[in-house]
Amino acid sequence: MAITTARTGSALNIQFRTGRTEEGKPTYKTKSFRNVRTDATTQSLYEVVLKLKDVQQHSIIKVTREDESLLREAEQQS
């Protein structure tokens, strides 16, 4: 049985270091950008992050991309 995948959604998540607790531990906040074009390349998304970096108040710690895909059986050809 062959399975096909179709990307149905994508999101870009950027984690920022926002400060420190009273104990000195770092605090973080994550900003999510939903409905990212599913055909956007990883390179183009990272270039957007680099441009956003210059206008952010806090340091960027981590960037992740979440992709959602639909899995289904491939149609059999006769």
Protein backbone atom coordinates (compact mmCIF):
# COMPACT_ATOMS: atom_id res chain seq x y z
CA MET A 1 0.00 0.00 0.00
CA ALA A 2 1.52 3.31 -1.08
CA ILE A 3 0.94 6.42 0.99
CA THR A 4 0.95 9.98 -0.29
CA THR A 5 1.36 13.16 1.74
CA ALA A 6 0.03 16.63 1.09
CA ARG A 7 1.17 19.53 3.24
CA THR A 8 -1.91 21.28 4.57
CA GLY A 9 -0.48 23.85 6.95
CA SER A 10 2.70 25.45 8.20
CA ALA A 11 3.70 27.70 11.09
CA LEU A 12 6.83 29.60 12.05
CA ASN A 13 7.70 29.79 15.76
CA ILE A 14 10.27 32.18 17.20
CA GLN A 15 11.39 31.85 20.80
CA PHE A 16 12.72 34.96 22.56
CA ARG A 17 14.60 35.38 25.84
CA THR A 18 12.54 38.01 27.63
CA GLY A 19 14.48 38.43 30.86
CA ARG A 20 15.30 36.65 34.09
CA THR A 21 13.39 35.49 37.14
CA GLU A 22 14.25 36.66 40.64
CA GLU A 23 16.33 33.48 40.96
CA GLY A 24 18.31 34.43 37.86
CA LYS A 25 16.78 31.83 35.54
CA PRO A 26 16.05 33.01 31.98
CA THR A 27 12.45 33.59 30.91
CA TYR A 28 11.19 32.92 27.40
CA LYS A 29 8.28 33.80 25.17
CA THR A 30 7.34 32.20 21.85
CA LYS A 31 5.66 34.06 18.98
CA SER A 32 3.88 31.89 16.42
CA PHE A 33 3.07 32.92 12.88
CA ARG A 34 0.34 30.63 11.57
CA ASN A 35 -0.86 30.18 8.00
CA VAL A 36 2.63 30.35 6.54
CA ARG A 37 2.61 29.42 2.88
CA THR A 38 3.06 25.67 2.67
CA ASP A 39 5.38 26.05 -0.31
CA ALA A 40 7.67 28.55 1.46
CA THR A 41 11.25 27.34 1.58
CA THR A 42 13.16 27.04 4.81
CA GLN A 43 15.65 29.58 3.48
CA SER A 44 12.97 32.18 2.76
CA LEU A 45 11.43 31.75 6.22
CA TYR A 46 14.82 32.18 7.88
CA GLU A 47 15.44 35.34 5.86
CA VAL A 48 12.18 36.73 7.26
CA VAL A 49 13.38 35.89 10.77
CA LEU A 50 16.65 37.73 10.14
CA LYS A 51 14.72 40.83 9.08
CA LEU A 52 12.45 40.60 12.14
CA LYS A 53 15.49 40.24 14.39
CA ASP A 54 16.48 43.85 13.84
CA VAL A 55 13.15 45.20 15.08
CA GLN A 56 12.76 42.93 18.12
CA GLN A 57 13.31 44.09 21.66
CA HIS A 58 14.42 40.64 22.86
CA SER A 59 17.07 38.17 21.67
CA ILE A 60 15.95 35.32 19.42
CA ILE A 61 16.87 31.99 20.98
CA LYS A 62 15.26 29.41 18.70
CA VAL A 63 13.37 29.26 15.40
CA THR A 64 11.21 26.28 14.45
CA ARG A 65 8.88 25.41 11.61
CA GLU A 66 5.83 23.22 12.12
CA ASP A 67 4.38 21.50 9.10
CA GLU A 68 1.08 19.63 9.02
CA SER A 69 0.48 17.03 6.34
CA LEU A 70 -2.43 14.88 5.28
CA LEU A 71 -1.52 11.20 4.84
CA ARG A 72 -3.64 8.99 2.63
CA GLU A 73 -3.49 5.87 0.57
CA ALA A 74 -2.44 6.44 -3.01
CA GLU A 75 -5.05 5.66 -5.60
CA GLN A 76 -4.43 2.44 -7.46
CA GLN A 77 -4.08 2.78 -11.20
CA SER A 78 -5.45 -0.02 -13.37
